[in-house]
N, C-alpha and C. Protein backbone atom coordinates (compact mmCIF):
# COMPACT_ATOMS: atom_id res chain seq x y z
N MET A 1 -28.11 -26.36 -37.70
CA MET A 1 -27.04 -26.75 -36.78
C MET A 1 -25.96 -25.65 -36.71
N ARG A 2 -25.64 -25.12 -37.91
CA ARG A 2 -24.64 -24.06 -37.96
C ARG A 2 -25.11 -22.83 -37.19
N TYR A 3 -26.43 -22.55 -37.27
CA TYR A 3 -26.98 -21.39 -36.55
C TYR A 3 -26.84 -21.55 -35.06
N VAL A 4 -27.10 -22.78 -34.56
CA VAL A 4 -26.99 -23.04 -33.13
C VAL A 4 -25.56 -22.86 -32.67
N TYR A 5 -24.62 -23.38 -33.45
CA TYR A 5 -23.19 -23.26 -33.11
C TYR A 5 -22.77 -21.79 -33.05
N MET A 6 -23.15 -21.03 -34.09
CA MET A 6 -22.78 -19.63 -34.13
C MET A 6 -23.41 -18.85 -32.99
N ASN A 7 -24.66 -19.21 -32.65
CA ASN A 7 -25.35 -18.53 -31.55
C ASN A 7 -24.63 -18.78 -30.23
N ARG A 8 -24.22 -20.02 -30.01
CA ARG A 8 -23.49 -20.35 -28.78
C ARG A 8 -22.14 -19.65 -28.75
N PHE A 9 -21.48 -19.61 -29.91
CA PHE A 9 -20.19 -18.93 -30.00
C PHE A 9 -20.34 -17.45 -29.68
N SER A 10 -21.39 -16.84 -30.19
CA SER A 10 -21.63 -15.42 -29.92
C SER A 10 -21.89 -15.18 -28.44
N ASN A 11 -22.62 -16.11 -27.81
CA ASN A 11 -22.90 -15.97 -26.38
C ASN A 11 -21.63 -16.05 -25.56
N VAL A 12 -20.74 -16.97 -25.94
CA VAL A 12 -19.47 -17.11 -25.23
C VAL A 12 -18.65 -15.83 -25.34
N ILE A 13 -18.58 -15.28 -26.56
CA ILE A 13 -17.83 -14.04 -26.77
C ILE A 13 -18.44 -12.90 -25.97
N SER A 14 -19.76 -12.83 -25.91
CA SER A 14 -20.43 -11.77 -25.17
C SER A 14 -20.12 -11.85 -23.69
N VAL A 15 -20.15 -13.07 -23.14
CA VAL A 15 -19.83 -13.24 -21.72
C VAL A 15 -18.39 -12.84 -21.45
N PHE A 16 -17.48 -13.23 -22.36
CA PHE A 16 -16.07 -12.89 -22.20
C PHE A 16 -15.87 -11.37 -22.18
N LEU A 17 -16.53 -10.68 -23.10
CA LEU A 17 -16.39 -9.22 -23.16
C LEU A 17 -16.96 -8.55 -21.92
N VAL A 18 -18.06 -9.07 -21.41
CA VAL A 18 -18.64 -8.51 -20.18
C VAL A 18 -17.68 -8.67 -19.03
N LEU A 19 -17.06 -9.85 -18.90
CA LEU A 19 -16.13 -10.08 -17.80
C LEU A 19 -14.90 -9.19 -17.91
N VAL A 20 -14.41 -9.02 -19.15
CA VAL A 20 -13.21 -8.19 -19.34
C VAL A 20 -13.49 -6.74 -19.00
N PHE A 21 -14.59 -6.21 -19.54
CA PHE A 21 -14.84 -4.78 -19.37
C PHE A 21 -15.53 -4.44 -18.06
N ALA A 22 -16.05 -5.43 -17.36
CA ALA A 22 -16.68 -5.16 -16.07
C ALA A 22 -15.64 -5.07 -14.97
N SER A 23 -14.45 -5.64 -15.19
CA SER A 23 -13.40 -5.64 -14.18
C SER A 23 -12.48 -4.45 -14.41
N PRO A 24 -12.13 -3.68 -13.34
CA PRO A 24 -11.23 -2.55 -13.53
C PRO A 24 -9.85 -3.03 -13.93
N VAL A 25 -9.23 -2.34 -14.88
CA VAL A 25 -7.90 -2.68 -15.33
C VAL A 25 -6.95 -1.58 -14.88
N PHE A 26 -5.92 -1.96 -14.15
CA PHE A 26 -4.99 -0.98 -13.62
C PHE A 26 -3.63 -1.12 -14.31
N ALA A 27 -3.08 0.00 -14.71
CA ALA A 27 -1.72 -0.02 -15.22
C ALA A 27 -0.77 -0.12 -14.04
N ALA A 28 0.26 -0.91 -14.17
CA ALA A 28 1.21 -1.08 -13.08
C ALA A 28 1.87 0.26 -12.77
N PRO A 29 1.96 0.63 -11.50
CA PRO A 29 2.60 1.91 -11.16
C PRO A 29 4.09 1.88 -11.50
N GLU A 30 4.61 3.02 -11.87
CA GLU A 30 6.02 3.11 -12.25
C GLU A 30 6.68 4.26 -11.51
N VAL A 31 7.87 4.02 -11.02
CA VAL A 31 8.66 5.08 -10.41
C VAL A 31 8.99 6.12 -11.48
N GLY A 32 8.84 7.38 -11.10
CA GLY A 32 9.10 8.46 -12.04
C GLY A 32 7.86 8.91 -12.79
N LYS A 33 6.76 8.20 -12.59
CA LYS A 33 5.49 8.54 -13.22
C LYS A 33 4.49 8.99 -12.15
N PRO A 34 3.42 9.69 -12.54
CA PRO A 34 2.41 10.10 -11.54
C PRO A 34 1.87 8.89 -10.79
N ALA A 35 1.76 9.02 -9.49
CA ALA A 35 1.22 7.94 -8.67
C ALA A 35 -0.28 7.80 -8.93
N PRO A 36 -0.83 6.59 -8.84
CA PRO A 36 -2.27 6.42 -9.04
C PRO A 36 -3.08 7.29 -8.09
N GLU A 37 -4.07 7.96 -8.64
CA GLU A 37 -4.92 8.83 -7.83
C GLU A 37 -5.84 8.00 -6.94
N PHE A 38 -6.23 8.58 -5.83
CA PHE A 38 -7.24 7.96 -4.97
C PHE A 38 -7.96 9.04 -4.18
N ALA A 39 -9.18 8.74 -3.81
CA ALA A 39 -9.98 9.64 -2.98
C ALA A 39 -10.86 8.77 -2.11
N MET A 40 -10.62 8.80 -0.80
CA MET A 40 -11.31 7.93 0.14
C MET A 40 -11.54 8.67 1.45
N GLN A 41 -12.27 8.04 2.34
CA GLN A 41 -12.37 8.54 3.71
C GLN A 41 -11.53 7.64 4.61
N ASP A 42 -10.86 8.26 5.58
CA ASP A 42 -10.09 7.45 6.52
C ASP A 42 -11.00 6.96 7.64
N THR A 43 -10.44 6.24 8.59
CA THR A 43 -11.24 5.64 9.65
C THR A 43 -11.81 6.66 10.62
N GLU A 44 -11.39 7.91 10.51
CA GLU A 44 -11.94 8.98 11.34
C GLU A 44 -12.99 9.78 10.59
N GLY A 45 -13.27 9.39 9.34
CA GLY A 45 -14.26 10.09 8.54
C GLY A 45 -13.72 11.28 7.78
N ASN A 46 -12.40 11.43 7.73
CA ASN A 46 -11.79 12.54 7.00
C ASN A 46 -11.59 12.17 5.53
N ASP A 47 -11.85 13.12 4.63
CA ASP A 47 -11.60 12.89 3.21
C ASP A 47 -10.10 12.93 2.94
N VAL A 48 -9.63 11.96 2.18
CA VAL A 48 -8.21 11.88 1.85
C VAL A 48 -8.10 11.65 0.35
N SER A 49 -7.41 12.54 -0.34
CA SER A 49 -7.19 12.34 -1.77
C SER A 49 -5.77 12.75 -2.12
N LEU A 50 -5.22 12.06 -3.09
CA LEU A 50 -3.85 12.37 -3.50
C LEU A 50 -3.76 13.76 -4.10
N THR A 51 -4.81 14.18 -4.78
CA THR A 51 -4.82 15.52 -5.37
C THR A 51 -4.68 16.59 -4.29
N GLU A 52 -5.41 16.43 -3.20
CA GLU A 52 -5.35 17.42 -2.12
C GLU A 52 -4.05 17.35 -1.34
N LEU A 53 -3.33 16.24 -1.46
CA LEU A 53 -2.05 16.10 -0.77
C LEU A 53 -0.89 16.59 -1.61
N ARG A 54 -1.19 17.10 -2.82
CA ARG A 54 -0.13 17.64 -3.67
C ARG A 54 0.63 18.74 -2.93
N GLY A 55 1.94 18.69 -3.04
CA GLY A 55 2.78 19.64 -2.32
C GLY A 55 3.40 19.02 -1.07
N LYS A 56 2.96 17.83 -0.73
CA LYS A 56 3.50 17.12 0.43
C LYS A 56 4.08 15.77 -0.01
N THR A 57 5.06 15.31 0.73
CA THR A 57 5.57 13.96 0.53
C THR A 57 4.61 12.99 1.22
N VAL A 58 4.28 11.91 0.53
CA VAL A 58 3.32 10.94 1.05
C VAL A 58 3.96 9.56 1.09
N VAL A 59 3.78 8.86 2.21
CA VAL A 59 4.20 7.46 2.32
C VAL A 59 2.95 6.60 2.42
N LEU A 60 2.89 5.54 1.62
CA LEU A 60 1.83 4.55 1.72
C LEU A 60 2.43 3.26 2.29
N GLU A 61 1.75 2.71 3.28
CA GLU A 61 2.23 1.48 3.95
C GLU A 61 1.08 0.47 4.00
N TRP A 62 1.27 -0.69 3.38
CA TRP A 62 0.22 -1.72 3.47
C TRP A 62 0.41 -2.55 4.73
N PHE A 63 -0.71 -2.80 5.43
CA PHE A 63 -0.68 -3.33 6.80
C PHE A 63 -1.64 -4.50 6.95
N ASN A 64 -1.23 -5.49 7.72
CA ASN A 64 -2.08 -6.63 8.11
C ASN A 64 -1.59 -7.07 9.49
N ASP A 65 -2.39 -6.84 10.50
CA ASP A 65 -1.94 -7.10 11.87
C ASP A 65 -1.64 -8.57 12.14
N GLY A 66 -2.21 -9.48 11.34
CA GLY A 66 -1.95 -10.90 11.55
C GLY A 66 -0.70 -11.42 10.88
N CYS A 67 -0.03 -10.57 10.12
CA CYS A 67 1.15 -10.99 9.37
C CYS A 67 2.41 -10.93 10.24
N PRO A 68 3.18 -12.02 10.32
CA PRO A 68 4.40 -12.01 11.15
C PRO A 68 5.45 -11.00 10.68
N TYR A 69 5.45 -10.68 9.40
CA TYR A 69 6.41 -9.69 8.91
C TYR A 69 6.02 -8.28 9.39
N VAL A 70 4.73 -8.03 9.45
CA VAL A 70 4.25 -6.76 10.00
C VAL A 70 4.55 -6.72 11.49
N ARG A 71 4.32 -7.82 12.18
CA ARG A 71 4.59 -7.88 13.62
C ARG A 71 6.07 -7.68 13.92
N LYS A 72 6.91 -8.11 13.02
CA LYS A 72 8.36 -7.88 13.18
C LYS A 72 8.63 -6.39 13.35
N HIS A 73 8.02 -5.58 12.50
CA HIS A 73 8.32 -4.15 12.51
C HIS A 73 7.51 -3.38 13.53
N TYR A 74 6.34 -3.87 13.89
CA TYR A 74 5.54 -3.19 14.91
C TYR A 74 5.89 -3.65 16.32
N GLY A 75 6.17 -4.94 16.47
CA GLY A 75 6.53 -5.46 17.79
C GLY A 75 7.85 -4.91 18.29
N SER A 76 8.73 -4.54 17.38
CA SER A 76 10.03 -3.97 17.72
C SER A 76 10.00 -2.45 17.78
N ASN A 77 8.87 -1.87 17.42
CA ASN A 77 8.68 -0.42 17.35
C ASN A 77 9.43 0.22 16.19
N ASN A 78 9.89 -0.60 15.27
CA ASN A 78 10.63 -0.08 14.12
C ASN A 78 9.75 0.75 13.20
N MET A 79 8.55 0.25 12.90
CA MET A 79 7.66 0.99 12.01
C MET A 79 7.16 2.27 12.67
N GLN A 80 6.85 2.19 13.97
CA GLN A 80 6.36 3.38 14.66
C GLN A 80 7.43 4.48 14.70
N ALA A 81 8.69 4.07 14.90
CA ALA A 81 9.78 5.05 14.93
C ALA A 81 9.91 5.74 13.57
N LEU A 82 9.78 4.95 12.51
CA LEU A 82 9.87 5.52 11.17
C LEU A 82 8.70 6.46 10.89
N GLN A 83 7.51 6.07 11.33
CA GLN A 83 6.34 6.94 11.19
C GLN A 83 6.55 8.26 11.93
N ASN A 84 7.01 8.17 13.16
CA ASN A 84 7.21 9.39 13.97
C ASN A 84 8.21 10.33 13.31
N GLU A 85 9.31 9.78 12.81
CA GLU A 85 10.33 10.60 12.16
C GLU A 85 9.74 11.29 10.93
N ALA A 86 9.02 10.52 10.13
CA ALA A 86 8.49 11.05 8.88
C ALA A 86 7.43 12.13 9.14
N VAL A 87 6.48 11.82 10.01
CA VAL A 87 5.40 12.77 10.30
C VAL A 87 5.95 14.05 10.92
N ALA A 88 6.94 13.91 11.80
CA ALA A 88 7.55 15.09 12.42
C ALA A 88 8.24 15.97 11.38
N ASP A 89 8.61 15.36 10.25
CA ASP A 89 9.29 16.09 9.19
C ASP A 89 8.30 16.59 8.13
N GLY A 90 7.00 16.47 8.41
CA GLY A 90 6.00 16.99 7.50
C GLY A 90 5.47 16.00 6.47
N VAL A 91 5.90 14.75 6.57
CA VAL A 91 5.43 13.72 5.64
C VAL A 91 4.02 13.27 6.04
N VAL A 92 3.18 13.02 5.05
CA VAL A 92 1.85 12.46 5.30
C VAL A 92 1.98 10.93 5.20
N TRP A 93 1.72 10.25 6.30
CA TRP A 93 1.88 8.79 6.34
C TRP A 93 0.49 8.15 6.28
N VAL A 94 0.27 7.33 5.27
CA VAL A 94 -1.03 6.69 5.06
C VAL A 94 -0.86 5.18 5.18
N THR A 95 -1.48 4.61 6.20
CA THR A 95 -1.49 3.16 6.36
C THR A 95 -2.75 2.62 5.70
N VAL A 96 -2.58 1.55 4.92
CA VAL A 96 -3.69 1.00 4.14
C VAL A 96 -3.90 -0.47 4.51
N ILE A 97 -5.15 -0.83 4.75
CA ILE A 97 -5.52 -2.23 5.00
C ILE A 97 -6.42 -2.68 3.86
N SER A 98 -5.91 -3.59 3.03
CA SER A 98 -6.67 -4.08 1.88
C SER A 98 -7.22 -5.48 2.09
N SER A 99 -7.18 -6.00 3.31
CA SER A 99 -7.73 -7.33 3.58
C SER A 99 -9.24 -7.32 3.35
N ALA A 100 -9.73 -8.33 2.65
CA ALA A 100 -11.15 -8.45 2.35
C ALA A 100 -11.90 -9.05 3.54
N PRO A 101 -13.20 -8.83 3.62
CA PRO A 101 -13.99 -9.44 4.70
C PRO A 101 -13.79 -10.96 4.74
N GLY A 102 -13.59 -11.47 5.94
CA GLY A 102 -13.38 -12.90 6.10
C GLY A 102 -11.94 -13.33 5.93
N LYS A 103 -11.06 -12.41 5.51
CA LYS A 103 -9.65 -12.72 5.31
C LYS A 103 -8.82 -12.17 6.46
N GLN A 104 -7.62 -12.75 6.64
CA GLN A 104 -6.73 -12.31 7.70
C GLN A 104 -6.45 -10.81 7.58
N GLY A 105 -6.58 -10.11 8.70
CA GLY A 105 -6.26 -8.69 8.72
C GLY A 105 -7.43 -7.77 8.50
N TYR A 106 -8.59 -8.31 8.11
CA TYR A 106 -9.75 -7.45 7.89
C TYR A 106 -10.21 -6.83 9.21
N VAL A 107 -10.49 -5.53 9.18
CA VAL A 107 -10.97 -4.83 10.38
C VAL A 107 -12.03 -3.81 9.99
N THR A 108 -12.83 -3.45 10.96
CA THR A 108 -13.74 -2.32 10.81
C THR A 108 -12.96 -1.05 11.15
N ALA A 109 -13.59 0.09 10.95
CA ALA A 109 -12.93 1.35 11.28
C ALA A 109 -12.60 1.41 12.77
N GLU A 110 -13.54 1.00 13.61
CA GLU A 110 -13.29 1.01 15.06
C GLU A 110 -12.14 0.08 15.43
N GLU A 111 -12.13 -1.10 14.83
CA GLU A 111 -11.06 -2.05 15.13
C GLU A 111 -9.71 -1.54 14.61
N GLY A 112 -9.72 -0.89 13.47
CA GLY A 112 -8.49 -0.33 12.93
C GLY A 112 -7.93 0.76 13.82
N ASN A 113 -8.80 1.63 14.31
CA ASN A 113 -8.35 2.70 15.22
C ASN A 113 -7.83 2.12 16.53
N ALA A 114 -8.47 1.04 16.99
CA ALA A 114 -8.02 0.39 18.22
C ALA A 114 -6.63 -0.22 18.03
N LEU A 115 -6.37 -0.79 16.85
CA LEU A 115 -5.05 -1.35 16.57
C LEU A 115 -3.99 -0.25 16.53
N THR A 116 -4.34 0.88 15.93
CA THR A 116 -3.40 2.00 15.88
C THR A 116 -3.01 2.44 17.29
N ALA A 117 -4.01 2.53 18.17
CA ALA A 117 -3.75 2.92 19.56
C ALA A 117 -2.95 1.85 20.29
N LYS A 118 -3.30 0.59 20.07
CA LYS A 118 -2.61 -0.51 20.73
C LYS A 118 -1.13 -0.53 20.38
N HIS A 119 -0.81 -0.29 19.12
CA HIS A 119 0.59 -0.32 18.68
C HIS A 119 1.33 0.98 18.95
N GLY A 120 0.61 2.02 19.37
CA GLY A 120 1.25 3.32 19.54
C GLY A 120 1.73 3.87 18.22
N ALA A 121 0.99 3.54 17.16
CA ALA A 121 1.36 4.00 15.82
C ALA A 121 0.86 5.42 15.59
N SER A 122 1.45 6.09 14.61
CA SER A 122 1.07 7.48 14.39
C SER A 122 0.93 7.81 12.90
N PRO A 123 0.18 6.98 12.14
CA PRO A 123 -0.05 7.38 10.75
C PRO A 123 -0.92 8.63 10.70
N THR A 124 -0.77 9.40 9.65
CA THR A 124 -1.63 10.57 9.47
C THR A 124 -3.06 10.11 9.18
N HIS A 125 -3.16 9.04 8.39
CA HIS A 125 -4.47 8.49 8.02
C HIS A 125 -4.39 6.96 8.00
N LEU A 126 -5.50 6.32 8.36
CA LEU A 126 -5.66 4.88 8.19
C LEU A 126 -6.80 4.67 7.20
N LEU A 127 -6.51 4.02 6.07
CA LEU A 127 -7.52 3.80 5.04
C LEU A 127 -7.87 2.31 4.99
N LEU A 128 -9.16 2.03 4.93
CA LEU A 128 -9.64 0.66 4.76
C LEU A 128 -10.03 0.47 3.30
N ASP A 129 -9.52 -0.62 2.72
CA ASP A 129 -9.70 -0.89 1.30
C ASP A 129 -10.17 -2.33 1.10
N PRO A 130 -11.32 -2.71 1.70
CA PRO A 130 -11.75 -4.11 1.68
C PRO A 130 -12.04 -4.65 0.29
N GLU A 131 -12.35 -3.79 -0.66
CA GLU A 131 -12.58 -4.25 -2.03
C GLU A 131 -11.28 -4.36 -2.83
N GLY A 132 -10.19 -3.88 -2.24
CA GLY A 132 -8.89 -4.01 -2.90
C GLY A 132 -8.63 -3.03 -4.03
N THR A 133 -9.47 -2.02 -4.17
CA THR A 133 -9.33 -1.09 -5.28
C THR A 133 -8.02 -0.31 -5.22
N LEU A 134 -7.72 0.24 -4.05
CA LEU A 134 -6.49 1.01 -3.89
C LEU A 134 -5.27 0.09 -3.98
N GLY A 135 -5.35 -1.06 -3.32
CA GLY A 135 -4.23 -1.99 -3.34
C GLY A 135 -3.87 -2.44 -4.74
N LYS A 136 -4.89 -2.75 -5.54
CA LYS A 136 -4.63 -3.22 -6.90
C LYS A 136 -4.17 -2.09 -7.81
N ALA A 137 -4.62 -0.87 -7.54
CA ALA A 137 -4.16 0.28 -8.32
C ALA A 137 -2.66 0.49 -8.14
N TYR A 138 -2.18 0.19 -6.94
CA TYR A 138 -0.75 0.34 -6.64
C TYR A 138 0.03 -0.97 -6.80
N ASP A 139 -0.67 -2.04 -7.17
CA ASP A 139 -0.05 -3.35 -7.30
C ASP A 139 0.61 -3.77 -5.98
N ALA A 140 -0.06 -3.44 -4.86
CA ALA A 140 0.46 -3.81 -3.54
C ALA A 140 0.34 -5.34 -3.39
N ARG A 141 1.45 -5.98 -3.10
CA ARG A 141 1.48 -7.44 -3.07
C ARG A 141 1.77 -8.02 -1.70
N THR A 142 2.39 -7.25 -0.84
CA THR A 142 2.80 -7.79 0.45
C THR A 142 2.45 -6.82 1.58
N THR A 143 2.45 -7.37 2.79
CA THR A 143 2.39 -6.52 3.98
C THR A 143 3.65 -6.79 4.80
N PRO A 144 4.46 -5.73 4.98
CA PRO A 144 4.27 -4.38 4.43
C PRO A 144 4.73 -4.28 2.97
N HIS A 145 4.14 -3.35 2.24
CA HIS A 145 4.62 -2.93 0.92
C HIS A 145 4.62 -1.42 0.99
N MET A 146 5.76 -0.80 0.67
CA MET A 146 5.95 0.63 0.93
C MET A 146 6.08 1.43 -0.37
N TYR A 147 5.50 2.64 -0.35
CA TYR A 147 5.56 3.54 -1.49
C TYR A 147 5.83 4.96 -0.98
N ILE A 148 6.58 5.73 -1.77
CA ILE A 148 6.80 7.14 -1.45
C ILE A 148 6.41 7.96 -2.67
N ILE A 149 5.61 8.99 -2.44
CA ILE A 149 5.15 9.90 -3.49
C ILE A 149 5.69 11.28 -3.19
N ASP A 150 6.32 11.91 -4.16
CA ASP A 150 6.93 13.22 -3.90
C ASP A 150 5.88 14.33 -3.97
N PRO A 151 6.26 15.56 -3.60
CA PRO A 151 5.28 16.66 -3.58
C PRO A 151 4.65 16.97 -4.94
N LYS A 152 5.27 16.53 -6.03
CA LYS A 152 4.69 16.75 -7.36
C LYS A 152 3.66 15.68 -7.71
N GLY A 153 3.54 14.67 -6.84
CA GLY A 153 2.59 13.59 -7.11
C GLY A 153 3.19 12.43 -7.86
N GLU A 154 4.52 12.41 -7.98
CA GLU A 154 5.18 11.31 -8.68
C GLU A 154 5.63 10.23 -7.70
N LEU A 155 5.54 9.00 -8.15
CA LEU A 155 6.00 7.88 -7.35
C LEU A 155 7.53 7.84 -7.44
N VAL A 156 8.20 7.89 -6.30
CA VAL A 156 9.67 7.92 -6.31
C VAL A 156 10.29 6.70 -5.64
N TYR A 157 9.48 5.95 -4.91
CA TYR A 157 9.99 4.71 -4.31
C TYR A 157 8.85 3.70 -4.19
N MET A 158 9.15 2.42 -4.43
CA MET A 158 8.22 1.35 -4.11
C MET A 158 9.01 0.07 -3.88
N GLY A 159 8.58 -0.66 -2.84
CA GLY A 159 9.27 -1.91 -2.52
C GLY A 159 9.20 -2.26 -1.06
N GLY A 160 10.25 -2.89 -0.57
CA GLY A 160 10.31 -3.33 0.82
C GLY A 160 10.70 -2.21 1.76
N ILE A 161 10.49 -2.45 3.04
CA ILE A 161 10.90 -1.46 4.03
C ILE A 161 12.41 -1.48 4.21
N ASP A 162 13.02 -2.66 4.05
CA ASP A 162 14.47 -2.77 4.20
C ASP A 162 15.00 -3.95 3.40
N ASP A 163 16.28 -4.25 3.59
CA ASP A 163 16.93 -5.31 2.80
C ASP A 163 17.09 -6.62 3.56
N LYS A 164 16.31 -6.81 4.63
CA LYS A 164 16.36 -8.06 5.40
C LYS A 164 14.98 -8.73 5.32
N PRO A 165 14.73 -9.52 4.29
CA PRO A 165 13.40 -10.10 4.06
C PRO A 165 13.08 -11.30 4.96
N THR A 166 13.07 -11.05 6.25
CA THR A 166 12.73 -12.09 7.21
C THR A 166 11.67 -11.57 8.17
N ALA A 167 11.13 -12.49 8.97
CA ALA A 167 10.15 -12.11 10.01
C ALA A 167 10.81 -12.02 11.37
N ASN A 168 12.11 -12.04 11.41
CA ASN A 168 12.87 -12.04 12.67
C ASN A 168 13.24 -10.61 13.08
N PRO A 169 12.73 -10.13 14.20
CA PRO A 169 13.06 -8.76 14.65
C PRO A 169 14.55 -8.53 14.85
N ALA A 170 15.30 -9.59 15.12
CA ALA A 170 16.74 -9.44 15.33
C ALA A 170 17.45 -8.94 14.07
N ASP A 171 16.80 -9.11 12.92
CA ASP A 171 17.42 -8.70 11.66
C ASP A 171 17.24 -7.22 11.36
N ILE A 172 16.51 -6.51 12.22
CA ILE A 172 16.32 -5.08 11.97
C ILE A 172 17.62 -4.31 12.19
N ASP A 173 18.36 -4.67 13.23
CA ASP A 173 19.65 -4.03 13.47
C ASP A 173 20.59 -4.32 12.31
N GLY A 174 21.15 -3.29 11.74
CA GLY A 174 22.08 -3.46 10.64
C GLY A 174 21.42 -3.51 9.28
N ALA A 175 20.09 -3.50 9.25
CA ALA A 175 19.39 -3.53 7.96
C ALA A 175 19.45 -2.15 7.30
N ASN A 176 19.45 -2.13 6.00
CA ASN A 176 19.36 -0.87 5.25
C ASN A 176 17.89 -0.54 5.08
N ASN A 177 17.40 0.45 5.82
CA ASN A 177 16.00 0.84 5.73
C ASN A 177 15.82 1.70 4.48
N TYR A 178 15.27 1.09 3.45
CA TYR A 178 15.12 1.78 2.18
C TYR A 178 14.22 3.01 2.28
N VAL A 179 13.18 2.92 3.10
CA VAL A 179 12.23 4.02 3.20
C VAL A 179 12.88 5.23 3.88
N ARG A 180 13.58 4.98 4.96
CA ARG A 180 14.26 6.08 5.66
C ARG A 180 15.29 6.74 4.75
N SER A 181 16.06 5.92 4.03
CA SER A 181 17.08 6.46 3.13
C SER A 181 16.46 7.26 2.00
N ALA A 182 15.38 6.72 1.42
CA ALA A 182 14.73 7.41 0.30
C ALA A 182 14.13 8.75 0.74
N LEU A 183 13.54 8.79 1.92
CA LEU A 183 12.98 10.04 2.43
C LEU A 183 14.07 11.08 2.65
N ALA A 184 15.20 10.65 3.18
CA ALA A 184 16.32 11.58 3.40
C ALA A 184 16.87 12.10 2.08
N GLU A 185 16.99 11.23 1.11
CA GLU A 185 17.51 11.65 -0.20
C GLU A 185 16.52 12.58 -0.91
N LEU A 186 15.24 12.27 -0.79
CA LEU A 186 14.23 13.14 -1.40
C LEU A 186 14.27 14.53 -0.78
N LYS A 187 14.41 14.59 0.54
CA LYS A 187 14.46 15.88 1.24
C LYS A 187 15.69 16.69 0.83
N SER A 188 16.80 15.99 0.63
CA SER A 188 18.05 16.70 0.29
C SER A 188 18.15 17.06 -1.19
N GLY A 189 17.23 16.52 -1.98
CA GLY A 189 17.24 16.83 -3.41
C GLY A 189 18.17 15.97 -4.23
N THR A 190 18.71 14.91 -3.63
CA THR A 190 19.59 14.01 -4.36
C THR A 190 18.78 12.84 -4.93
N SER A 191 19.36 12.16 -5.90
CA SER A 191 18.70 11.02 -6.51
C SER A 191 18.55 9.89 -5.50
N ILE A 192 17.42 9.20 -5.57
CA ILE A 192 17.19 8.09 -4.66
C ILE A 192 18.00 6.89 -5.13
N THR A 193 18.83 6.39 -4.26
CA THR A 193 19.76 5.32 -4.60
C THR A 193 19.06 4.05 -5.05
N SER A 194 18.02 3.67 -4.32
CA SER A 194 17.29 2.43 -4.64
C SER A 194 15.81 2.76 -4.79
N PRO A 195 15.37 3.24 -5.95
CA PRO A 195 13.98 3.65 -6.11
C PRO A 195 12.99 2.49 -6.19
N THR A 196 13.47 1.32 -6.57
CA THR A 196 12.61 0.14 -6.66
C THR A 196 13.34 -1.04 -6.02
N THR A 197 12.69 -1.68 -5.04
CA THR A 197 13.27 -2.84 -4.40
C THR A 197 12.23 -3.95 -4.31
N ARG A 198 12.66 -5.12 -3.91
CA ARG A 198 11.73 -6.25 -3.82
C ARG A 198 10.96 -6.17 -2.51
N PRO A 199 9.62 -6.11 -2.58
CA PRO A 199 8.83 -6.12 -1.34
C PRO A 199 8.84 -7.52 -0.74
N TYR A 200 8.70 -7.59 0.57
CA TYR A 200 8.61 -8.90 1.20
C TYR A 200 7.56 -8.86 2.30
N GLY A 201 7.02 -10.01 2.64
CA GLY A 201 6.01 -10.09 3.68
C GLY A 201 4.93 -11.09 3.31
N CYS A 202 3.78 -10.97 3.96
CA CYS A 202 2.64 -11.83 3.65
C CYS A 202 1.93 -11.26 2.41
N SER A 203 1.28 -12.12 1.66
CA SER A 203 0.51 -11.65 0.53
C SER A 203 -0.66 -10.81 1.02
N VAL A 204 -1.01 -9.78 0.27
CA VAL A 204 -2.18 -8.97 0.60
C VAL A 204 -3.42 -9.85 0.43
N LYS A 205 -4.29 -9.85 1.42
CA LYS A 205 -5.43 -10.77 1.42
C LYS A 205 -6.64 -10.18 0.69
N TYR A 206 -6.49 -10.10 -0.64
CA TYR A 206 -7.58 -9.62 -1.47
C TYR A 206 -8.71 -10.65 -1.51
N SER A 207 -9.88 -10.21 -1.95
CA SER A 207 -11.01 -11.14 -2.05
C SER A 207 -10.76 -12.16 -3.15
N SER A 208 -10.03 -11.76 -4.19
CA SER A 208 -9.70 -12.68 -5.28
C SER A 208 -8.45 -12.19 -6.00
């Protein structure tokens, strides 16, 4: 009887260890530390890696077209204006869709490119992350969730796009756009006033 009990106990432990070590474990990203590396293809088939982007400022933006908070910033042209300003200043803007198949916001490459054209958006790259690997590496929790990586590859900002956590476009006027401010401070060489803020929006629609 004792042998049967021990055998079952060993089986339980074995299953537990398999589940623990089979799942990727990500350290939470920290401002002031190297940003999590990634290497993927964008929706145009171009290779995109953080290593190759070293020397440039990079913005990561998590996107879900079905989210009312995302629609707030795209329907008002607020996000597109910020993209245009950043890209014109040499920033690499990477929009990321981490919605899993069957979940709100999931798109194919063709559908993603069509959405970019429909919104008149101008990201440098659109990355699809249906398995959630990139999103979980960055601990992306909301759409939008914004990150800024400096030319040295360090994470210098993560959080919300601004300080008005609503889905109402009327609240954009007068809001403190954290991303715009952080980019300006990074360019001028001054310390970023608010390097970490609370992200707001819809939850990222991971598979689990």
